Amino acid sequence: MTSPVSNRLTRDTRHRVIAGVCSGLARRLGLSRTGLRAAFVVSCVLPGPQFIAYIVLWVVMPADDRL
């Protein structure tokens, strides 16, 4: 059984590189942090609102309470 904290979508403040958005998404989806970060970086060469989505998630996603 998973704890309720792991089911919430929050920024991971312990394993962050910039803001913890990719790390938080990876934790929530059960993916590798490094894999999700690599996919984001690769997607940045494609046209689209990747940077805007990252900034919006940075503002909208609450930081986790763990230190």
C-alpha atoms as a PDB file:
ATOM      1  CA  MET A   1       0.000   0.000   0.000  1.00  0.00           C
ATOM      2  CA  THR A   2       1.409   3.394  -0.942  1.00  0.00           C
ATOM      3  CA  SER A   3       1.337   6.391   1.323  1.00  0.00           C
ATOM      4  CA  PRO A   4      -0.971   9.313   0.463  1.00  0.00           C
ATOM      5  CA  VAL A   5       2.005  11.649   0.105  1.00  0.00           C
ATOM      6  CA  SER A   6       3.446   9.651  -2.830  1.00  0.00           C
ATOM      7  CA  ASN A   7       0.121   9.879  -4.705  1.00  0.00           C
ATOM      8  CA  ARG A   8       0.170  13.682  -4.721  1.00  0.00           C
ATOM      9  CA  LEU A   9       1.736  15.564  -7.595  1.00  0.00           C
ATOM     10  CA  THR A  10       4.413  17.689  -5.952  1.00  0.00           C
ATOM     11  CA  ARG A  11       7.824  19.030  -6.922  1.00  0.00           C
ATOM     12  CA  ASP A  12      10.617  16.868  -5.538  1.00  0.00           C
ATOM     13  CA  THR A  13      12.848  19.219  -3.551  1.00  0.00           C
ATOM     14  CA  ARG A  14      15.443  16.587  -2.652  1.00  0.00           C
ATOM     15  CA  HIS A  15      16.260  15.360  -6.166  1.00  0.00           C
ATOM     16  CA  ARG A  16      15.777  18.537  -8.126  1.00  0.00           C
ATOM     17  CA  VAL A  17      18.058  19.931 -10.824  1.00  0.00           C
ATOM     18  CA  ILE A  18      16.241  23.191 -11.501  1.00  0.00           C
ATOM     19  CA  ALA A  19      12.844  23.232  -9.816  1.00  0.00           C
ATOM     20  CA  GLY A  20      12.025  19.557  -9.234  1.00  0.00           C
ATOM     21  CA  VAL A  21       9.225  19.410 -11.808  1.00  0.00           C
ATOM     22  CA  CYS A  22      10.605  16.476 -13.823  1.00  0.00           C
ATOM     23  CA  SER A  23      11.602  14.646 -10.663  1.00  0.00           C
ATOM     24  CA  GLY A  24       8.138  15.126  -9.166  1.00  0.00           C
ATOM     25  CA  LEU A  25       6.419  13.978 -12.345  1.00  0.00           C
ATOM     26  CA  ALA A  26       8.690  10.938 -12.567  1.00  0.00           C
ATOM     27  CA  ARG A  27       7.967  10.019  -8.943  1.00  0.00           C
ATOM     28  CA  ARG A  28       4.200  10.370  -9.479  1.00  0.00           C
ATOM     29  CA  LEU A  29       4.213   8.358 -12.715  1.00  0.00           C
ATOM     30  CA  GLY A  30       6.673   5.721 -11.484  1.00  0.00           C
ATOM     31  CA  LEU A  31       9.314   6.554 -14.086  1.00  0.00           C
ATOM     32  CA  SER A  32      13.044   7.141 -13.928  1.00  0.00           C
ATOM     33  CA  ARG A  33      13.986  10.734 -13.019  1.00  0.00           C
ATOM     34  CA  THR A  34      16.912  10.668 -15.424  1.00  0.00           C
ATOM     35  CA  GLY A  35      14.810   9.211 -18.228  1.00  0.00           C
ATOM     36  CA  LEU A  36      12.103  11.833 -17.881  1.00  0.00           C
ATOM     37  CA  ARG A  37      14.677  14.635 -17.751  1.00  0.00           C
ATOM     38  CA  ALA A  38      16.363  13.272 -20.885  1.00  0.00           C
ATOM     39  CA  ALA A  39      13.017  13.048 -22.674  1.00  0.00           C
ATOM     40  CA  PHE A  40      12.272  16.667 -21.736  1.00  0.00           C
ATOM     41  CA  VAL A  41      15.649  17.884 -23.013  1.00  0.00           C
ATOM     42  CA  VAL A  42      15.228  15.962 -26.272  1.00  0.00           C
ATOM     43  CA  SER A  43      11.693  17.337 -26.677  1.00  0.00           C
ATOM     44  CA  CYS A  44      13.046  20.876 -26.423  1.00  0.00           C
ATOM     45  CA  VAL A  45      14.487  20.613 -29.943  1.00  0.00           C
ATOM     46  CA  LEU A  46      10.960  20.037 -31.267  1.00  0.00           C
ATOM     47  CA  PRO A  47       8.569  22.933 -31.758  1.00  0.00           C
ATOM     48  CA  GLY A  48       6.111  23.389 -28.932  1.00  0.00           C
ATOM     49  CA  PRO A  49       5.484  25.003 -25.567  1.00  0.00           C
ATOM     50  CA  GLN A  50       7.831  22.816 -23.481  1.00  0.00           C
ATOM     51  CA  PHE A  51       9.464  25.691 -21.613  1.00  0.00           C
ATOM     52  CA  ILE A  52       6.136  27.378 -20.965  1.00  0.00           C
ATOM     53  CA  ALA A  53       4.669  24.104 -19.658  1.00  0.00           C
ATOM     54  CA  TYR A  54       7.681  23.642 -17.365  1.00  0.00           C
ATOM     55  CA  ILE A  55       7.333  27.165 -15.952  1.00  0.00           C
ATOM     56  CA  VAL A  56       3.576  26.729 -15.456  1.00  0.00           C
ATOM     57  CA  LEU A  57       4.138  23.424 -13.640  1.00  0.00           C
ATOM     58  CA  TRP A  58       6.862  25.071 -11.551  1.00  0.00           C
ATOM     59  CA  VAL A  59       4.348  27.680 -10.381  1.00  0.00           C
ATOM     60  CA  VAL A  60       1.319  25.365 -10.044  1.00  0.00           C
ATOM     61  CA  MET A  61       2.891  22.264  -8.459  1.00  0.00           C
ATOM     62  CA  PRO A  62       3.409  22.631  -4.701  1.00  0.00           C
ATOM     63  CA  ALA A  63       6.786  21.706  -3.256  1.00  0.00           C
ATOM     64  CA  ASP A  64       6.853  18.550  -1.177  1.00  0.00           C
ATOM     65  CA  ASP A  65       7.301  18.885   2.562  1.00  0.00           C
ATOM     66  CA  ARG A  66      10.226  16.476   2.803  1.00  0.00           C
ATOM     67  CA  LEU A  67      13.717  17.855   3.233  1.00  0.00           C
END
